[in-house]
Amino acid sequence: VQGEHRHKDENRSERSFFFKSTTLPPGTQIDQLQSHLTDDGQLKIEAPFVEQKETPKPIEVEKQEGGK
């Protein structure tokens, strides 16, 4: 995300920038990402999330031969 704020009056002019990045978890549907400003000026970003299920890995058990 990047943004810019501009302010100008009769005595001065202001311009500021911000940059923010984040890593989204696996399963985030970035092609359906939506963003908008709320009534109070906050940026809201939403994206659906599909939980990724890991396939269970088989556990190999060693056989012990000959009991001592």
C-alpha atoms as a PDB file:
ATOM      1  CA  VAL A   1       0.000   0.000   0.000  1.00  0.00           C
ATOM      2  CA  GLN A   2       1.216   3.480  -0.696  1.00  0.00           C
ATOM      3  CA  GLY A   3      -0.486   6.776  -0.086  1.00  0.00           C
ATOM      4  CA  GLU A   4      -0.007  10.495  -0.366  1.00  0.00           C
ATOM      5  CA  HIS A   5      -1.388  13.401   1.641  1.00  0.00           C
ATOM      6  CA  ARG A   6      -1.435  16.947   0.298  1.00  0.00           C
ATOM      7  CA  HIS A   7      -2.286  20.137   2.172  1.00  0.00           C
ATOM      8  CA  LYS A   8      -2.099  23.638   0.824  1.00  0.00           C
ATOM      9  CA  ASP A   9      -3.046  26.980   2.342  1.00  0.00           C
ATOM     10  CA  GLU A  10      -2.109  30.566   1.531  1.00  0.00           C
ATOM     11  CA  ASN A  11       1.216  30.391   3.438  1.00  0.00           C
ATOM     12  CA  ARG A  12       2.540  26.928   2.713  1.00  0.00           C
ATOM     13  CA  SER A  13       2.165  23.646   0.911  1.00  0.00           C
ATOM     14  CA  GLU A  14       2.649  20.189   2.446  1.00  0.00           C
ATOM     15  CA  ARG A  15       3.002  16.818   0.821  1.00  0.00           C
ATOM     16  CA  SER A  16       3.689  13.540   2.618  1.00  0.00           C
ATOM     17  CA  PHE A  17       3.894   9.925   1.544  1.00  0.00           C
ATOM     18  CA  PHE A  18       3.607   6.597   3.298  1.00  0.00           C
ATOM     19  CA  PHE A  19       4.393   3.056   2.269  1.00  0.00           C
ATOM     20  CA  LYS A  20       3.300  -0.124   4.027  1.00  0.00           C
ATOM     21  CA  SER A  21       3.830  -3.726   3.025  1.00  0.00           C
ATOM     22  CA  THR A  22       2.822  -6.988   4.615  1.00  0.00           C
ATOM     23  CA  THR A  23       3.041 -10.674   3.850  1.00  0.00           C
ATOM     24  CA  LEU A  24      -0.316 -12.351   3.426  1.00  0.00           C
ATOM     25  CA  PRO A  25      -0.784 -15.917   4.611  1.00  0.00           C
ATOM     26  CA  PRO A  26      -1.139 -18.789   2.140  1.00  0.00           C
ATOM     27  CA  GLY A  27      -4.753 -19.120   1.107  1.00  0.00           C
ATOM     28  CA  THR A  28      -5.423 -15.380   0.748  1.00  0.00           C
ATOM     29  CA  GLN A  29      -7.433 -14.795  -2.412  1.00  0.00           C
ATOM     30  CA  ILE A  30      -5.545 -11.720  -3.660  1.00  0.00           C
ATOM     31  CA  ASP A  31      -7.460 -11.660  -6.951  1.00  0.00           C
ATOM     32  CA  GLN A  32     -10.567 -10.791  -4.871  1.00  0.00           C
ATOM     33  CA  LEU A  33      -8.876  -8.127  -2.715  1.00  0.00           C
ATOM     34  CA  GLN A  34     -10.947  -4.981  -2.126  1.00  0.00           C
ATOM     35  CA  SER A  35     -10.028  -1.702  -0.461  1.00  0.00           C
ATOM     36  CA  HIS A  36     -11.912   1.434   0.533  1.00  0.00           C
ATOM     37  CA  LEU A  37     -11.733   4.395   2.897  1.00  0.00           C
ATOM     38  CA  THR A  38     -14.040   4.313   5.901  1.00  0.00           C
ATOM     39  CA  ASP A  39     -16.088   7.349   6.961  1.00  0.00           C
ATOM     40  CA  ASP A  40     -13.383   8.247   9.493  1.00  0.00           C
ATOM     41  CA  GLY A  41     -10.605   8.136   6.869  1.00  0.00           C
ATOM     42  CA  GLN A  42      -9.167   4.690   7.647  1.00  0.00           C
ATOM     43  CA  LEU A  43      -8.075   2.447   4.785  1.00  0.00           C
ATOM     44  CA  LYS A  44      -9.817  -0.917   4.971  1.00  0.00           C
ATOM     45  CA  ILE A  45      -8.466  -3.811   2.912  1.00  0.00           C
ATOM     46  CA  GLU A  46     -10.323  -7.113   2.722  1.00  0.00           C
ATOM     47  CA  ALA A  47      -9.621 -10.394   0.940  1.00  0.00           C
ATOM     48  CA  PRO A  48     -11.235 -13.804   1.298  1.00  0.00           C
ATOM     49  CA  PHE A  49      -9.142 -16.491   2.922  1.00  0.00           C
ATOM     50  CA  VAL A  50      -9.232 -20.237   2.293  1.00  0.00           C
ATOM     51  CA  GLU A  51      -7.496 -22.236   5.002  1.00  0.00           C
ATOM     52  CA  GLN A  52      -4.777 -24.445   3.577  1.00  0.00           C
ATOM     53  CA  LYS A  53      -4.921 -28.003   4.885  1.00  0.00           C
ATOM     54  CA  GLU A  54      -1.680 -29.913   5.152  1.00  0.00           C
ATOM     55  CA  THR A  55      -1.704 -33.517   4.066  1.00  0.00           C
ATOM     56  CA  PRO A  56      -0.656 -35.747   6.943  1.00  0.00           C
ATOM     57  CA  LYS A  57       2.715 -37.409   6.551  1.00  0.00           C
ATOM     58  CA  PRO A  58       2.972 -41.101   7.437  1.00  0.00           C
ATOM     59  CA  ILE A  59       5.177 -41.931  10.391  1.00  0.00           C
ATOM     60  CA  GLU A  60       7.550 -44.818   9.874  1.00  0.00           C
ATOM     61  CA  VAL A  61       8.073 -47.086  12.864  1.00  0.00           C
ATOM     62  CA  GLU A  62      11.246 -49.137  13.073  1.00  0.00           C
ATOM     63  CA  LYS A  63      10.852 -52.760  14.066  1.00  0.00           C
ATOM     64  CA  GLN A  64      13.244 -54.010  16.694  1.00  0.00           C
ATOM     65  CA  GLU A  65      14.336 -57.594  16.243  1.00  0.00           C
ATOM     66  CA  GLY A  66      15.760 -59.829  18.903  1.00  0.00           C
ATOM     67  CA  GLY A  67      14.939 -58.751  22.419  1.00  0.00           C
ATOM     68  CA  LYS A  68      17.878 -58.399  24.794  1.00  0.00           C
END
